[in-house]
C-alpha atoms as a PDB file:
ATOM      1  CA  UNK A   1     -16.107   7.174   8.626  1.00  0.00           C
ATOM      2  CA  UNK A   2     -13.794   9.935   7.505  1.00  0.00           C
ATOM      3  CA  UNK A   3     -10.429   9.010   6.062  1.00  0.00           C
ATOM      4  CA  UNK A   4      -7.670  11.470   6.884  1.00  0.00           C
ATOM      5  CA  UNK A   5      -5.085  10.482   4.293  1.00  0.00           C
ATOM      6  CA  UNK A   6      -6.756  10.057   0.918  1.00  0.00           C
ATOM      7  CA  UNK A   7      -7.320  11.826  -2.337  1.00  0.00           C
ATOM      8  CA  UNK A   8      -9.562  14.777  -1.526  1.00  0.00           C
ATOM      9  CA  UNK A   9     -12.017  13.991  -4.321  1.00  0.00           C
ATOM     10  CA  UNK A  10     -12.753  10.454  -3.065  1.00  0.00           C
ATOM     11  CA  UNK A  11     -15.817   9.855  -0.888  1.00  0.00           C
ATOM     12  CA  UNK A  12     -15.627   8.876   2.770  1.00  0.00           C
ATOM     13  CA  UNK A  13     -17.023   5.439   2.169  1.00  0.00           C
ATOM     14  CA  UNK A  14     -16.810   2.198   4.206  1.00  0.00           C
ATOM     15  CA  UNK A  15     -15.239   0.557   1.144  1.00  0.00           C
ATOM     16  CA  UNK A  16     -12.054   2.366   2.192  1.00  0.00           C
ATOM     17  CA  UNK A  17     -11.710  -0.216   4.973  1.00  0.00           C
ATOM     18  CA  UNK A  18     -11.930  -3.110   2.517  1.00  0.00           C
ATOM     19  CA  UNK A  19      -9.337  -1.484   0.264  1.00  0.00           C
ATOM     20  CA  UNK A  20      -6.998  -0.945   3.212  1.00  0.00           C
ATOM     21  CA  UNK A  21      -7.430  -4.551   4.342  1.00  0.00           C
ATOM     22  CA  UNK A  22      -6.587  -5.776   0.841  1.00  0.00           C
ATOM     23  CA  UNK A  23      -3.516  -3.528   0.722  1.00  0.00           C
ATOM     24  CA  UNK A  24      -2.290  -5.028   3.995  1.00  0.00           C
ATOM     25  CA  UNK A  25      -3.048  -8.596   2.856  1.00  0.00           C
ATOM     26  CA  UNK A  26      -1.091  -8.013  -0.336  1.00  0.00           C
ATOM     27  CA  UNK A  27       1.823  -6.526   1.593  1.00  0.00           C
ATOM     28  CA  UNK A  28       1.940  -9.489   3.987  1.00  0.00           C
ATOM     29  CA  UNK A  29       1.779 -11.974   1.107  1.00  0.00           C
ATOM     30  CA  UNK A  30       4.590 -10.258  -0.790  1.00  0.00           C
ATOM     31  CA  UNK A  31       6.756  -9.780   2.306  1.00  0.00           C
ATOM     32  CA  UNK A  32       6.522 -13.517   3.029  1.00  0.00           C
ATOM     33  CA  UNK A  33       8.516 -14.114  -0.144  1.00  0.00           C
ATOM     34  CA  UNK A  34      11.366 -11.930   1.180  1.00  0.00           C
ATOM     35  CA  UNK A  35      11.708  -9.825  -1.981  1.00  0.00           C
ATOM     36  CA  UNK A  36      14.272  -7.122  -2.546  1.00  0.00           C
ATOM     37  CA  UNK A  37      12.958  -3.655  -1.626  1.00  0.00           C
ATOM     38  CA  UNK A  38      12.595  -2.562  -5.258  1.00  0.00           C
ATOM     39  CA  UNK A  39      10.739  -5.764  -6.177  1.00  0.00           C
ATOM     40  CA  UNK A  40       8.307  -5.281  -3.281  1.00  0.00           C
ATOM     41  CA  UNK A  41       7.763  -1.636  -4.214  1.00  0.00           C
ATOM     42  CA  UNK A  42       7.139  -2.461  -7.868  1.00  0.00           C
ATOM     43  CA  UNK A  43       4.714  -5.299  -7.107  1.00  0.00           C
ATOM     44  CA  UNK A  44       2.742  -3.232  -4.607  1.00  0.00           C
ATOM     45  CA  UNK A  45       2.689  -0.353  -7.084  1.00  0.00           C
ATOM     46  CA  UNK A  46       1.242  -2.663  -9.729  1.00  0.00           C
ATOM     47  CA  UNK A  47      -1.466  -3.805  -7.342  1.00  0.00           C
ATOM     48  CA  UNK A  48      -2.176  -0.451  -5.714  1.00  0.00           C
ATOM     49  CA  UNK A  49      -0.767   2.172  -8.065  1.00  0.00           C
ATOM     50  CA  UNK A  50      -3.702   4.463  -7.488  1.00  0.00           C
ATOM     51  CA  UNK A  51      -2.576   5.316  -3.958  1.00  0.00           C
ATOM     52  CA  UNK A  52      -1.957   8.994  -3.316  1.00  0.00           C
ATOM     53  CA  UNK A  53       1.665   8.944  -2.172  1.00  0.00           C
ATOM     54  CA  UNK A  54       4.124   6.154  -3.082  1.00  0.00           C
ATOM     55  CA  UNK A  55       6.808   7.579  -0.771  1.00  0.00           C
ATOM     56  CA  UNK A  56       5.695   5.729   2.369  1.00  0.00           C
ATOM     57  CA  UNK A  57       5.583   2.478   0.395  1.00  0.00           C
ATOM     58  CA  UNK A  58       9.190   2.949  -0.721  1.00  0.00           C
ATOM     59  CA  UNK A  59      10.412   3.854   2.770  1.00  0.00           C
ATOM     60  CA  UNK A  60       8.527   0.880   4.200  1.00  0.00           C
ATOM     61  CA  UNK A  61      10.171  -1.412   1.657  1.00  0.00           C
ATOM     62  CA  UNK A  62      13.591  -0.130   2.659  1.00  0.00           C
ATOM     63  CA  UNK A  63      12.831  -0.387   6.365  1.00  0.00           C
ATOM     64  CA  UNK A  64      11.348  -3.869   6.216  1.00  0.00           C
ATOM     65  CA  UNK A  65      13.578  -5.487   3.618  1.00  0.00           C
ATOM     66  CA  UNK A  66      16.961  -3.749   3.572  1.00  0.00           C
END
């Protein structure tokens, strides 16, 4: 497996799939509570702050919750 959007120094490892699944599970769980966009962004950032680019998270929060 080769991930296309990741930090260049990280390995192409199957664990990437598990991390992506967890990211999506966390997003679904938080979205179920109907938070404000900033609250969703902050909570996801706490859980997954090591992601390369927070921009898509912010734009997703605005698109899904605004």
